[in-house]
ModelCIF file with pLDDT and N, C-alpha, C, O atoms, coordinates in Angstrom:
data_MODEL
#
_entry.id   MODEL 
#
_entity.id                         1 
_entity.type                       polymer 
_entity.pdbx_number_of_molecules   1 
#
_entity_poly.entity_id                      1 
_entity_poly.type                           'polypeptide(L)' 
_entity_poly.nstd_linkage                   no 
_entity_poly.nstd_monomer                   no 
_entity_poly.pdbx_seq_one_letter_code       RHRNERAWMQDKEEEENRPQNTYSAFIQLLP 
_entity_poly.pdbx_seq_one_letter_code_can   RHRNERAWMQDKEEEENRPQNTYSAFIQLLP 
_entity_poly.pdbx_strand_id                 A 
#
loop_
_entity_poly_seq.entity_id 
_entity_poly_seq.num 
_entity_poly_seq.mon_id 
_entity_poly_seq.hetero 
1 1  ARG n 
1 2  HIS n 
1 3  ARG n 
1 4  ASN n 
1 5  GLU n 
1 6  ARG n 
1 7  ALA n 
1 8  TRP n 
1 9  MET n 
1 10 GLN n 
1 11 ASP n 
1 12 LYS n 
1 13 GLU n 
1 14 GLU n 
1 15 GLU n 
1 16 GLU n 
1 17 ASN n 
1 18 ARG n 
1 19 PRO n 
1 20 GLN n 
1 21 ASN n 
1 22 THR n 
1 23 TYR n 
1 24 SER n 
1 25 ALA n 
1 26 PHE n 
1 27 ILE n 
1 28 GLN n 
1 29 LEU n 
1 30 LEU n 
1 31 PRO n 
#
_struct_asym.id          A 
_struct_asym.entity_id   1 
#
loop_
_ma_qa_metric.id 
_ma_qa_metric.mode 
_ma_qa_metric.name 
_ma_qa_metric.software_group_id 
_ma_qa_metric.type 
1 global pLDDT . pLDDT 
2 local  pLDDT . pLDDT 
#
_ma_qa_metric_global.metric_id      1 
_ma_qa_metric_global.metric_value   67.45 
_ma_qa_metric_global.model_id       1 
_ma_qa_metric_global.ordinal_id     1 
#
loop_
_ma_qa_metric_local.label_asym_id 
_ma_qa_metric_local.label_comp_id 
_ma_qa_metric_local.label_seq_id 
_ma_qa_metric_local.metric_id 
_ma_qa_metric_local.metric_value 
_ma_qa_metric_local.model_id 
_ma_qa_metric_local.ordinal_id 
A ARG 1  2 53.00 1 1  
A HIS 2  2 53.00 1 2  
A ARG 3  2 60.00 1 3  
A ASN 4  2 60.00 1 4  
A GLU 5  2 57.00 1 5  
A ARG 6  2 59.00 1 6  
A ALA 7  2 66.00 1 7  
A TRP 8  2 60.00 1 8  
A MET 9  2 64.00 1 9  
A GLN 10 2 66.00 1 10 
A ASP 11 2 66.00 1 11 
A LYS 12 2 60.00 1 12 
A GLU 13 2 63.00 1 13 
A GLU 14 2 64.00 1 14 
A GLU 15 2 62.00 1 15 
A GLU 16 2 57.00 1 16 
A ASN 17 2 56.00 1 17 
A ARG 18 2 58.00 1 18 
A PRO 19 2 56.00 1 19 
A GLN 20 2 55.00 1 20 
A ASN 21 2 64.00 1 21 
A THR 22 2 74.00 1 22 
A TYR 23 2 77.00 1 23 
A SER 24 2 79.00 1 24 
A ALA 25 2 81.00 1 25 
A PHE 26 2 82.00 1 26 
A ILE 27 2 87.00 1 27 
A GLN 28 2 86.00 1 28 
A LEU 29 2 88.00 1 29 
A LEU 30 2 88.00 1 30 
A PRO 31 2 90.00 1 31 
#
loop_
_atom_site.group_PDB 
_atom_site.id 
_atom_site.type_symbol 
_atom_site.label_atom_id 
_atom_site.label_alt_id 
_atom_site.label_comp_id 
_atom_site.label_asym_id 
_atom_site.label_entity_id 
_atom_site.label_seq_id 
_atom_site.pdbx_PDB_ins_code 
_atom_site.Cartn_x 
_atom_site.Cartn_y 
_atom_site.Cartn_z 
_atom_site.occupancy 
_atom_site.B_iso_or_equiv 
_atom_site.pdbx_formal_charge 
_atom_site.auth_seq_id 
_atom_site.auth_comp_id 
_atom_site.auth_asym_id 
_atom_site.auth_atom_id 
_atom_site.pdbx_PDB_model_num 
ATOM 1   N N  . ARG A 1 1  ? 0.909  -1.049 -0.041  1.00 53.00 ? 1  ARG A N  1 
ATOM 2   C CA . ARG A 1 1  ? 0.081  -0.003 -0.197  1.00 53.00 ? 1  ARG A CA 1 
ATOM 3   C C  . ARG A 1 1  ? 0.919  1.313  0.178   1.00 53.00 ? 1  ARG A C  1 
ATOM 4   O O  . ARG A 1 1  ? 0.442  2.361  -0.257  1.00 53.00 ? 1  ARG A O  1 
ATOM 5   N N  . HIS A 1 2  ? 1.958  1.394  0.835   1.00 53.00 ? 2  HIS A N  1 
ATOM 6   C CA . HIS A 1 2  ? 2.656  2.531  0.927   1.00 53.00 ? 2  HIS A CA 1 
ATOM 7   C C  . HIS A 1 2  ? 3.722  2.472  -0.315  1.00 53.00 ? 2  HIS A C  1 
ATOM 8   O O  . HIS A 1 2  ? 4.137  3.521  -0.808  1.00 53.00 ? 2  HIS A O  1 
ATOM 9   N N  . ARG A 1 3  ? 4.060  1.441  -0.702  1.00 60.00 ? 3  ARG A N  1 
ATOM 10  C CA . ARG A 1 3  ? 4.801  1.707  -2.088  1.00 60.00 ? 3  ARG A CA 1 
ATOM 11  C C  . ARG A 1 3  ? 4.065  2.137  -3.110  1.00 60.00 ? 3  ARG A C  1 
ATOM 12  O O  . ARG A 1 3  ? 4.633  2.793  -3.983  1.00 60.00 ? 3  ARG A O  1 
ATOM 13  N N  . ASN A 1 4  ? 2.745  1.878  -3.210  1.00 60.00 ? 4  ASN A N  1 
ATOM 14  C CA . ASN A 1 4  ? 1.874  2.455  -4.249  1.00 60.00 ? 4  ASN A CA 1 
ATOM 15  C C  . ASN A 1 4  ? 1.563  3.868  -4.031  1.00 60.00 ? 4  ASN A C  1 
ATOM 16  O O  . ASN A 1 4  ? 1.565  4.691  -4.945  1.00 60.00 ? 4  ASN A O  1 
ATOM 17  N N  . GLU A 1 5  ? 1.259  4.176  -2.653  1.00 57.00 ? 5  GLU A N  1 
ATOM 18  C CA . GLU A 1 5  ? 1.216  5.669  -2.386  1.00 57.00 ? 5  GLU A CA 1 
ATOM 19  C C  . GLU A 1 5  ? 2.375  6.617  -2.656  1.00 57.00 ? 5  GLU A C  1 
ATOM 20  O O  . GLU A 1 5  ? 2.221  7.769  -3.061  1.00 57.00 ? 5  GLU A O  1 
ATOM 21  N N  . ARG A 1 6  ? 3.611  6.014  -2.385  1.00 59.00 ? 6  ARG A N  1 
ATOM 22  C CA . ARG A 1 6  ? 4.721  6.797  -2.712  1.00 59.00 ? 6  ARG A CA 1 
ATOM 23  C C  . ARG A 1 6  ? 4.919  6.987  -4.135  1.00 59.00 ? 6  ARG A C  1 
ATOM 24  O O  . ARG A 1 6  ? 5.294  8.069  -4.587  1.00 59.00 ? 6  ARG A O  1 
ATOM 25  N N  . ALA A 1 7  ? 4.652  5.856  -4.941  1.00 66.00 ? 7  ALA A N  1 
ATOM 26  C CA . ALA A 1 7  ? 4.719  6.059  -6.452  1.00 66.00 ? 7  ALA A CA 1 
ATOM 27  C C  . ALA A 1 7  ? 3.705  7.105  -6.898  1.00 66.00 ? 7  ALA A C  1 
ATOM 28  O O  . ALA A 1 7  ? 4.028  7.952  -7.732  1.00 66.00 ? 7  ALA A O  1 
ATOM 29  N N  . TRP A 1 8  ? 2.483  7.068  -6.363  1.00 60.00 ? 8  TRP A N  1 
ATOM 30  C CA . TRP A 1 8  ? 1.475  8.040  -6.794  1.00 60.00 ? 8  TRP A CA 1 
ATOM 31  C C  . TRP A 1 8  ? 1.978  9.511  -6.405  1.00 60.00 ? 8  TRP A C  1 
ATOM 32  O O  . TRP A 1 8  ? 1.821  10.490 -7.135  1.00 60.00 ? 8  TRP A O  1 
ATOM 33  N N  . MET A 1 9  ? 2.607  9.530  -5.149  1.00 64.00 ? 9  MET A N  1 
ATOM 34  C CA . MET A 1 9  ? 2.932  10.890 -4.726  1.00 64.00 ? 9  MET A CA 1 
ATOM 35  C C  . MET A 1 9  ? 4.129  11.545 -5.647  1.00 64.00 ? 9  MET A C  1 
ATOM 36  O O  . MET A 1 9  ? 4.269  12.746 -5.877  1.00 64.00 ? 9  MET A O  1 
ATOM 37  N N  . GLN A 1 10 ? 5.030  10.378 -6.160  1.00 66.00 ? 10 GLN A N  1 
ATOM 38  C CA . GLN A 1 10 ? 6.109  10.856 -6.906  1.00 66.00 ? 10 GLN A CA 1 
ATOM 39  C C  . GLN A 1 10 ? 5.667  11.463 -8.261  1.00 66.00 ? 10 GLN A C  1 
ATOM 40  O O  . GLN A 1 10 ? 6.153  12.503 -8.705  1.00 66.00 ? 10 GLN A O  1 
ATOM 41  N N  . ASP A 1 11 ? 4.687  10.721 -8.898  1.00 66.00 ? 11 ASP A N  1 
ATOM 42  C CA . ASP A 1 11 ? 4.037  11.025 -10.137 1.00 66.00 ? 11 ASP A CA 1 
ATOM 43  C C  . ASP A 1 11 ? 3.357  12.440 -9.927  1.00 66.00 ? 11 ASP A C  1 
ATOM 44  O O  . ASP A 1 11 ? 3.492  13.302 -10.795 1.00 66.00 ? 11 ASP A O  1 
ATOM 45  N N  . LYS A 1 12 ? 2.757  12.637 -8.985  1.00 60.00 ? 12 LYS A N  1 
ATOM 46  C CA . LYS A 1 12 ? 2.070  13.907 -8.745  1.00 60.00 ? 12 LYS A CA 1 
ATOM 47  C C  . LYS A 1 12 ? 2.953  15.128 -8.633  1.00 60.00 ? 12 LYS A C  1 
ATOM 48  O O  . LYS A 1 12 ? 2.743  16.235 -9.129  1.00 60.00 ? 12 LYS A O  1 
ATOM 49  N N  . GLU A 1 13 ? 4.114  14.683 -7.797  1.00 63.00 ? 13 GLU A N  1 
ATOM 50  C CA . GLU A 1 13 ? 5.087  15.865 -7.740  1.00 63.00 ? 13 GLU A CA 1 
ATOM 51  C C  . GLU A 1 13 ? 5.773  16.106 -9.171  1.00 63.00 ? 13 GLU A C  1 
ATOM 52  O O  . GLU A 1 13 ? 6.129  17.252 -9.444  1.00 63.00 ? 13 GLU A O  1 
ATOM 53  N N  . GLU A 1 14 ? 5.997  14.934 -10.214 1.00 64.00 ? 14 GLU A N  1 
ATOM 54  C CA . GLU A 1 14 ? 6.562  15.209 -11.317 1.00 64.00 ? 14 GLU A CA 1 
ATOM 55  C C  . GLU A 1 14 ? 5.644  16.076 -12.168 1.00 64.00 ? 14 GLU A C  1 
ATOM 56  O O  . GLU A 1 14 ? 6.077  16.967 -12.899 1.00 64.00 ? 14 GLU A O  1 
ATOM 57  N N  . GLU A 1 15 ? 4.291  15.759 -12.031 1.00 62.00 ? 15 GLU A N  1 
ATOM 58  C CA . GLU A 1 15 ? 3.256  16.447 -12.734 1.00 62.00 ? 15 GLU A CA 1 
ATOM 59  C C  . GLU A 1 15 ? 3.320  17.888 -12.507 1.00 62.00 ? 15 GLU A C  1 
ATOM 60  O O  . GLU A 1 15 ? 3.331  18.709 -13.424 1.00 62.00 ? 15 GLU A O  1 
ATOM 61  N N  . GLU A 1 16 ? 3.371  18.232 -11.038 1.00 57.00 ? 16 GLU A N  1 
ATOM 62  C CA . GLU A 1 16 ? 3.330  19.609 -10.607 1.00 57.00 ? 16 GLU A CA 1 
ATOM 63  C C  . GLU A 1 16 ? 4.677  20.299 -11.082 1.00 57.00 ? 16 GLU A C  1 
ATOM 64  O O  . GLU A 1 16 ? 4.650  21.495 -11.370 1.00 57.00 ? 16 GLU A O  1 
ATOM 65  N N  . ASN A 1 17 ? 5.858  19.572 -11.172 1.00 56.00 ? 17 ASN A N  1 
ATOM 66  C CA . ASN A 1 17 ? 7.060  20.353 -11.546 1.00 56.00 ? 17 ASN A CA 1 
ATOM 67  C C  . ASN A 1 17 ? 7.173  20.390 -12.942 1.00 56.00 ? 17 ASN A C  1 
ATOM 68  O O  . ASN A 1 17 ? 8.106  21.030 -13.427 1.00 56.00 ? 17 ASN A O  1 
ATOM 69  N N  . ARG A 1 18 ? 6.305  19.758 -13.731 1.00 58.00 ? 18 ARG A N  1 
ATOM 70  C CA . ARG A 1 18 ? 6.511  19.862 -15.400 1.00 58.00 ? 18 ARG A CA 1 
ATOM 71  C C  . ARG A 1 18 ? 6.301  21.230 -15.763 1.00 58.00 ? 18 ARG A C  1 
ATOM 72  O O  . ARG A 1 18 ? 7.151  21.780 -16.463 1.00 58.00 ? 18 ARG A O  1 
ATOM 73  N N  . PRO A 1 19 ? 5.246  21.880 -15.369 1.00 56.00 ? 19 PRO A N  1 
ATOM 74  C CA . PRO A 1 19 ? 5.091  23.338 -15.831 1.00 56.00 ? 19 PRO A CA 1 
ATOM 75  C C  . PRO A 1 19 ? 6.180  24.281 -15.424 1.00 56.00 ? 19 PRO A C  1 
ATOM 76  O O  . PRO A 1 19 ? 6.531  25.211 -16.150 1.00 56.00 ? 19 PRO A O  1 
ATOM 77  N N  . GLN A 1 20 ? 6.709  24.032 -14.259 1.00 55.00 ? 20 GLN A N  1 
ATOM 78  C CA . GLN A 1 20 ? 7.834  24.802 -13.793 1.00 55.00 ? 20 GLN A CA 1 
ATOM 79  C C  . GLN A 1 20 ? 9.084  24.597 -14.494 1.00 55.00 ? 20 GLN A C  1 
ATOM 80  O O  . GLN A 1 20 ? 9.830  25.555 -14.697 1.00 55.00 ? 20 GLN A O  1 
ATOM 81  N N  . ASN A 1 21 ? 9.386  23.378 -14.895 1.00 64.00 ? 21 ASN A N  1 
ATOM 82  C CA . ASN A 1 21 ? 10.570 22.996 -15.780 1.00 64.00 ? 21 ASN A CA 1 
ATOM 83  C C  . ASN A 1 21 ? 10.309 23.616 -17.226 1.00 64.00 ? 21 ASN A C  1 
ATOM 84  O O  . ASN A 1 21 ? 11.256 24.169 -17.785 1.00 64.00 ? 21 ASN A O  1 
ATOM 85  N N  . THR A 1 22 ? 9.094  23.549 -17.841 1.00 74.00 ? 22 THR A N  1 
ATOM 86  C CA . THR A 1 22 ? 8.996  24.294 -18.959 1.00 74.00 ? 22 THR A CA 1 
ATOM 87  C C  . THR A 1 22 ? 8.963  25.848 -18.960 1.00 74.00 ? 22 THR A C  1 
ATOM 88  O O  . THR A 1 22 ? 9.123  26.543 -19.964 1.00 74.00 ? 22 THR A O  1 
ATOM 89  N N  . TYR A 1 23 ? 8.747  26.273 -17.774 1.00 77.00 ? 23 TYR A N  1 
ATOM 90  C CA . TYR A 1 23 ? 8.824  27.861 -17.685 1.00 77.00 ? 23 TYR A CA 1 
ATOM 91  C C  . TYR A 1 23 ? 10.297 28.282 -17.553 1.00 77.00 ? 23 TYR A C  1 
ATOM 92  O O  . TYR A 1 23 ? 10.718 29.293 -18.113 1.00 77.00 ? 23 TYR A O  1 
ATOM 93  N N  . SER A 1 24 ? 11.125 27.424 -16.745 1.00 79.00 ? 24 SER A N  1 
ATOM 94  C CA . SER A 1 24 ? 12.564 27.650 -16.656 1.00 79.00 ? 24 SER A CA 1 
ATOM 95  C C  . SER A 1 24 ? 13.295 27.475 -17.863 1.00 79.00 ? 24 SER A C  1 
ATOM 96  O O  . SER A 1 24 ? 14.252 28.210 -18.109 1.00 79.00 ? 24 SER A O  1 
ATOM 97  N N  . ALA A 1 25 ? 12.842 26.336 -18.842 1.00 81.00 ? 25 ALA A N  1 
ATOM 98  C CA . ALA A 1 25 ? 13.428 26.313 -20.250 1.00 81.00 ? 25 ALA A CA 1 
ATOM 99  C C  . ALA A 1 25 ? 13.099 27.516 -21.076 1.00 81.00 ? 25 ALA A C  1 
ATOM 100 O O  . ALA A 1 25 ? 13.911 27.934 -21.902 1.00 81.00 ? 25 ALA A O  1 
ATOM 101 N N  . PHE A 1 26 ? 11.942 28.087 -20.885 1.00 82.00 ? 26 PHE A N  1 
ATOM 102 C CA . PHE A 1 26 ? 11.557 29.331 -21.604 1.00 82.00 ? 26 PHE A CA 1 
ATOM 103 C C  . PHE A 1 26 ? 12.350 30.556 -21.403 1.00 82.00 ? 26 PHE A C  1 
ATOM 104 O O  . PHE A 1 26 ? 12.710 31.337 -22.283 1.00 82.00 ? 26 PHE A O  1 
ATOM 105 N N  . ILE A 1 27 ? 12.625 30.643 -19.882 1.00 87.00 ? 27 ILE A N  1 
ATOM 106 C CA . ILE A 1 27 ? 13.426 31.751 -19.416 1.00 87.00 ? 27 ILE A CA 1 
ATOM 107 C C  . ILE A 1 27 ? 14.961 31.675 -19.996 1.00 87.00 ? 27 ILE A C  1 
ATOM 108 O O  . ILE A 1 27 ? 15.606 32.679 -20.298 1.00 87.00 ? 27 ILE A O  1 
ATOM 109 N N  . GLN A 1 28 ? 15.372 30.534 -20.088 1.00 86.00 ? 28 GLN A N  1 
ATOM 110 C CA . GLN A 1 28 ? 16.704 30.185 -20.517 1.00 86.00 ? 28 GLN A CA 1 
ATOM 111 C C  . GLN A 1 28 ? 16.711 30.578 -22.078 1.00 86.00 ? 28 GLN A C  1 
ATOM 112 O O  . GLN A 1 28 ? 17.649 31.232 -22.535 1.00 86.00 ? 28 GLN A O  1 
ATOM 113 N N  . LEU A 1 29 ? 15.712 30.189 -22.820 1.00 88.00 ? 29 LEU A N  1 
ATOM 114 C CA . LEU A 1 29 ? 15.728 30.525 -24.159 1.00 88.00 ? 29 LEU A CA 1 
ATOM 115 C C  . LEU A 1 29 ? 15.288 32.002 -24.544 1.00 88.00 ? 29 LEU A C  1 
ATOM 116 O O  . LEU A 1 29 ? 15.440 32.475 -25.671 1.00 88.00 ? 29 LEU A O  1 
ATOM 117 N N  . LEU A 1 30 ? 14.780 32.606 -23.571 1.00 88.00 ? 30 LEU A N  1 
ATOM 118 C CA . LEU A 1 30 ? 14.467 34.121 -23.826 1.00 88.00 ? 30 LEU A CA 1 
ATOM 119 C C  . LEU A 1 30 ? 15.425 34.834 -24.510 1.00 88.00 ? 30 LEU A C  1 
ATOM 120 O O  . LEU A 1 30 ? 15.173 35.280 -25.629 1.00 88.00 ? 30 LEU A O  1 
ATOM 121 N N  . PRO A 1 31 ? 16.651 35.021 -23.901 1.00 90.00 ? 31 PRO A N  1 
ATOM 122 C CA . PRO A 1 31 ? 17.639 35.947 -24.626 1.00 90.00 ? 31 PRO A CA 1 
ATOM 123 C C  . PRO A 1 31 ? 17.797 35.664 -26.082 1.00 90.00 ? 31 PRO A C  1 
ATOM 124 O O  . PRO A 1 31 ? 18.564 36.345 -26.763 1.00 90.00 ? 31 PRO A O  1 
#
């Protein structure tokens, strides 16, 4: 149960961080 919960939380964190990573890439390419 807890292994599945940790995997779910990790996927959720990656999904939340994905827009931030896209934004960071955009900032780097802005110049």
